[in-house]
Amino acid sequence: MDRQRTDGPAPAPRQASVCRKTKETDIDLRLCVDGEGRFQGSSGIGFLDHMLDAMCVHSGMDLTLAMTGDLQVDCHHSAEDLGIVLGQALKEALAARAGIRRYGSFFIPMDETLGFCSLDISGRPYFVYDAQYRWQSVGQLDTDMVGEFFRALAFASGMTLHMKILYGENDHHKIESLFKAFAHALKEAVTVTGRGVLSSKGMLD
């Protein structure tokens, strides 16, 4: 005799696809929040791809990316626009945000560096960033674009996002600690609790 399921239908996957084309960038991005931690594709910026891969591995999200940008100018438009599109996809995938934990915070040690991220998927965008770097770039990524990437992501997704390097020397370690701290904080915040909207006013925004 066939056994019948009694626990109801499986929840719909939290995923989204976003395309954005301007005179500066052309981005096609697919995001699955409840994935296997895989990153496929490229931003055209090697070190940023390395960070996106780490973010996916540590958050459990799947990210597929096809993009081109005016890298002959510099990496600014590509990094910032990617933050916008990733934020839009996250906002769409989480929809009304009902039943999630909402808040997440995490410290990540990377050798001599300690990075921290705290976030609230509230619908109210805000960004606080405290990080200093020794060099202008790591690989092809300008270090000042790390903050711009996360700022764009926070405002496009409707997220309150605080990030800080408490201490460290190596810029690679500093940036990687922030991406991994963000990944773990986000993983915590999007965890499904099934308790409805976590707000005393009954809604987020």
Protein backbone atom coordinates (compact mmCIF):
# COMPACT_ATOMS: atom_id res chain seq x y z
CA MET A 1 0.00 0.00 0.00
CA ASP A 2 1.29 3.42 -0.92
CA ARG A 3 1.95 5.70 2.00
CA GLN A 4 0.28 9.10 1.72
CA ARG A 5 1.82 12.35 2.86
CA THR A 6 0.06 13.96 5.78
CA ASP A 7 2.29 16.98 6.32
CA GLY A 8 0.83 19.13 3.52
CA PRO A 9 2.44 20.52 0.40
CA ALA A 10 6.07 21.57 0.37
CA PRO A 11 6.60 25.32 0.79
CA ALA A 12 7.14 27.31 -2.38
CA PRO A 13 10.81 27.96 -3.09
CA ARG A 14 11.99 31.43 -2.19
CA GLN A 15 13.58 32.53 -5.43
CA ALA A 16 13.64 35.39 -7.91
CA SER A 17 15.09 36.42 -11.27
CA VAL A 18 16.03 40.03 -12.02
CA CYS A 19 17.38 41.58 -15.20
CA ARG A 20 18.73 45.12 -15.36
CA LYS A 21 20.29 46.76 -18.39
CA THR A 22 21.75 50.25 -18.54
CA LYS A 23 24.40 51.99 -20.63
CA GLU A 24 26.93 50.89 -18.00
CA THR A 25 25.95 47.32 -17.08
CA ASP A 26 23.86 44.40 -18.30
CA ILE A 27 22.92 42.02 -15.49
CA ASP A 28 20.86 38.82 -15.46
CA LEU A 29 20.67 37.31 -11.98
CA ARG A 30 18.82 34.33 -10.50
CA LEU A 31 18.66 33.82 -6.74
CA CYS A 32 17.36 30.92 -4.65
CA VAL A 33 17.38 31.65 -0.93
CA ASP A 34 16.92 27.98 0.02
CA GLY A 35 19.65 26.55 -2.17
CA GLU A 36 22.78 24.48 -1.82
CA GLY A 37 25.32 27.28 -1.51
CA ARG A 38 26.35 27.46 -5.16
CA PHE A 39 27.58 30.40 -7.20
CA GLN A 40 27.69 30.18 -10.99
CA GLY A 41 28.73 32.81 -13.49
CA SER A 42 30.87 35.91 -13.15
CA SER A 43 30.69 39.61 -12.42
CA GLY A 44 33.78 40.18 -14.53
CA ILE A 45 35.69 41.12 -11.34
CA GLY A 46 37.69 38.15 -10.11
CA PHE A 47 37.95 39.06 -6.44
CA LEU A 48 34.26 39.99 -6.27
CA ASP A 49 33.41 36.58 -7.74
CA HIS A 50 35.51 35.01 -4.99
CA MET A 51 33.49 36.94 -2.40
CA LEU A 52 30.15 36.01 -4.01
CA ASP A 53 31.17 32.37 -3.96
CA ALA A 54 32.02 32.62 -0.25
CA MET A 55 28.73 34.41 0.42
CA CYS A 56 26.76 31.62 -1.25
CA VAL A 57 28.65 28.83 0.51
CA HIS A 58 28.12 30.40 3.93
CA SER A 59 24.52 31.54 3.42
CA GLY A 60 23.25 28.44 1.62
CA MET A 61 21.87 30.57 -1.21
CA ASP A 62 22.26 29.72 -4.89
CA LEU A 63 23.23 32.57 -7.19
CA THR A 64 23.51 32.41 -10.98
CA LEU A 65 24.93 35.50 -12.63
CA ALA A 66 25.52 36.66 -16.18
CA MET A 67 26.72 40.23 -16.53
CA THR A 68 28.87 42.64 -18.44
CA GLY A 69 29.96 46.09 -17.37
CA ASP A 70 32.13 49.01 -18.38
CA LEU A 71 35.20 47.62 -16.63
CA GLN A 72 37.38 49.55 -19.06
CA VAL A 73 36.36 52.58 -16.95
CA ASP A 74 36.69 50.94 -13.52
CA CYS A 75 34.76 48.52 -11.32
CA HIS A 76 32.41 51.11 -9.78
CA HIS A 77 29.32 50.66 -11.94
CA SER A 78 29.58 46.87 -12.00
CA ALA A 79 29.94 46.46 -8.24
CA GLU A 80 27.24 48.98 -7.36
CA ASP A 81 24.73 47.78 -9.96
CA LEU A 82 25.26 44.17 -8.90
CA GLY A 83 24.42 45.19 -5.33
CA ILE A 84 21.22 46.80 -6.60
CA VAL A 85 20.13 43.73 -8.57
CA LEU A 86 21.02 41.28 -5.80
CA GLY A 87 19.05 43.41 -3.34
CA GLN A 88 16.03 43.51 -5.68
CA ALA A 89 16.16 39.74 -6.07
CA LEU A 90 16.38 39.19 -2.31
CA LYS A 91 13.41 41.49 -1.73
CA GLU A 92 11.34 39.67 -4.35
CA ALA A 93 12.31 36.22 -3.09
CA LEU A 94 11.34 37.03 0.51
CA ALA A 95 8.08 38.71 -0.57
CA ALA A 96 6.07 39.79 2.52
CA ARG A 97 8.79 38.41 4.85
CA ALA A 98 6.14 36.76 7.00
CA GLY A 99 7.32 33.90 9.17
CA ILE A 100 11.05 34.71 9.10
CA ARG A 101 13.33 35.41 12.04
CA ARG A 102 13.98 38.90 10.57
CA TYR A 103 17.15 39.70 12.55
CA GLY A 104 20.62 38.25 12.21
CA SER A 105 24.07 39.06 13.62
CA PHE A 106 27.41 37.33 13.23
CA PHE A 107 31.14 37.74 13.92
CA ILE A 108 33.68 36.18 11.56
CA PRO A 109 37.39 35.81 12.44
CA MET A 110 39.77 35.65 9.48
CA ASP A 111 43.24 35.09 10.90
CA GLU A 112 44.21 38.49 12.38
CA THR A 113 40.92 40.13 11.32
CA LEU A 114 37.54 40.22 13.03
CA GLY A 115 34.51 41.30 11.01
CA PHE A 116 30.94 41.85 12.17
CA CYS A 117 27.52 42.17 10.52
CA SER A 118 24.10 42.82 12.01
CA LEU A 119 20.98 43.17 9.88
CA ASP A 120 17.22 43.56 10.02
CA ILE A 121 15.04 42.58 7.06
CA SER A 122 12.59 45.28 8.02
CA GLY A 123 11.62 46.98 4.77
CA ARG A 124 13.33 50.13 6.08
CA PRO A 125 16.70 50.56 4.37
CA TYR A 126 19.64 51.93 6.32
CA PHE A 127 23.36 51.34 6.08
CA VAL A 128 26.14 51.83 8.61
CA TYR A 129 29.66 50.85 7.57
CA ASP A 130 32.91 51.11 9.50
CA ALA A 131 35.94 49.69 7.69
CA GLN A 132 39.35 51.03 6.77
CA TYR A 133 41.73 49.50 4.24
CA ARG A 134 45.45 49.82 3.63
CA TRP A 135 45.36 49.55 -0.15
CA GLN A 136 43.30 50.96 -2.99
CA SER A 137 42.30 47.57 -4.37
CA VAL A 138 42.37 43.81 -3.88
CA GLY A 139 42.73 42.22 -7.27
CA GLN A 140 40.40 44.07 -9.62
CA LEU A 141 38.05 45.23 -6.86
CA ASP A 142 38.57 48.72 -5.43
CA THR A 143 38.34 48.49 -1.67
CA ASP A 144 36.04 51.52 -1.48
CA MET A 145 33.52 49.60 -3.61
CA VAL A 146 32.91 47.03 -0.86
CA GLY A 147 30.85 49.56 1.05
CA GLU A 148 29.12 50.74 -2.11
CA PHE A 149 28.13 47.17 -3.01
CA PHE A 150 26.56 46.55 0.39
CA ARG A 151 24.95 50.00 0.50
CA ALA A 152 23.24 49.32 -2.83
CA LEU A 153 22.15 45.87 -1.64
CA ALA A 154 20.73 47.24 1.61
CA PHE A 155 18.67 49.98 -0.02
CA ALA A 156 17.42 47.82 -2.89
CA SER A 157 16.33 45.02 -0.55
CA GLY A 158 14.83 47.21 2.17
CA MET A 159 17.32 46.05 4.77
CA THR A 160 18.89 47.76 7.76
CA LEU A 161 22.53 46.71 7.54
CA HIS A 162 25.40 47.43 9.92
CA MET A 163 28.93 46.22 9.12
CA LYS A 164 32.21 46.75 10.93
CA ILE A 165 35.83 45.63 10.88
CA LEU A 166 36.82 45.55 14.52
CA TYR A 167 40.50 45.04 13.74
CA GLY A 168 42.82 43.52 11.17
CA GLU A 169 45.74 44.13 8.83
CA ASN A 170 45.16 42.19 5.62
CA ASP A 171 42.63 43.78 3.26
CA HIS A 172 41.70 40.44 1.69
CA HIS A 173 40.88 39.06 5.12
CA LYS A 174 38.91 42.18 6.08
CA ILE A 175 36.68 42.06 3.02
CA GLU A 176 36.17 38.31 3.18
CA SER A 177 35.23 38.50 6.87
CA LEU A 178 32.50 41.03 5.99
CA PHE A 179 31.06 38.93 3.18
CA LYS A 180 31.02 35.82 5.36
CA ALA A 181 29.58 37.68 8.35
CA PHE A 182 26.85 39.05 6.07
CA ALA A 183 26.15 35.56 4.74
CA HIS A 184 25.72 34.04 8.20
CA ALA A 185 23.66 36.97 9.49
CA LEU A 186 21.40 36.74 6.45
CA LYS A 187 21.06 32.98 6.82
CA GLU A 188 19.91 33.51 10.40
CA ALA A 189 17.50 36.32 9.48
CA VAL A 190 15.73 34.43 6.67
CA THR A 191 15.25 31.30 8.77
CA VAL A 192 11.57 30.35 8.73
CA THR A 193 9.98 30.30 12.18
CA GLY A 194 6.35 30.10 11.04
CA ARG A 195 5.30 32.64 13.65
CA GLY A 196 3.95 35.26 11.25
CA VAL A 197 5.27 38.80 10.92
CA LEU A 198 7.76 39.61 13.68
CA SER A 199 6.54 43.12 14.46
CA SER A 200 4.38 44.57 17.23
CA LYS A 201 2.53 46.66 14.63
CA GLY A 202 1.62 43.56 12.62
CA MET A 203 3.55 44.43 9.47
CA LEU A 204 7.04 45.23 8.22
CA ASP A 205 7.99 48.52 6.46
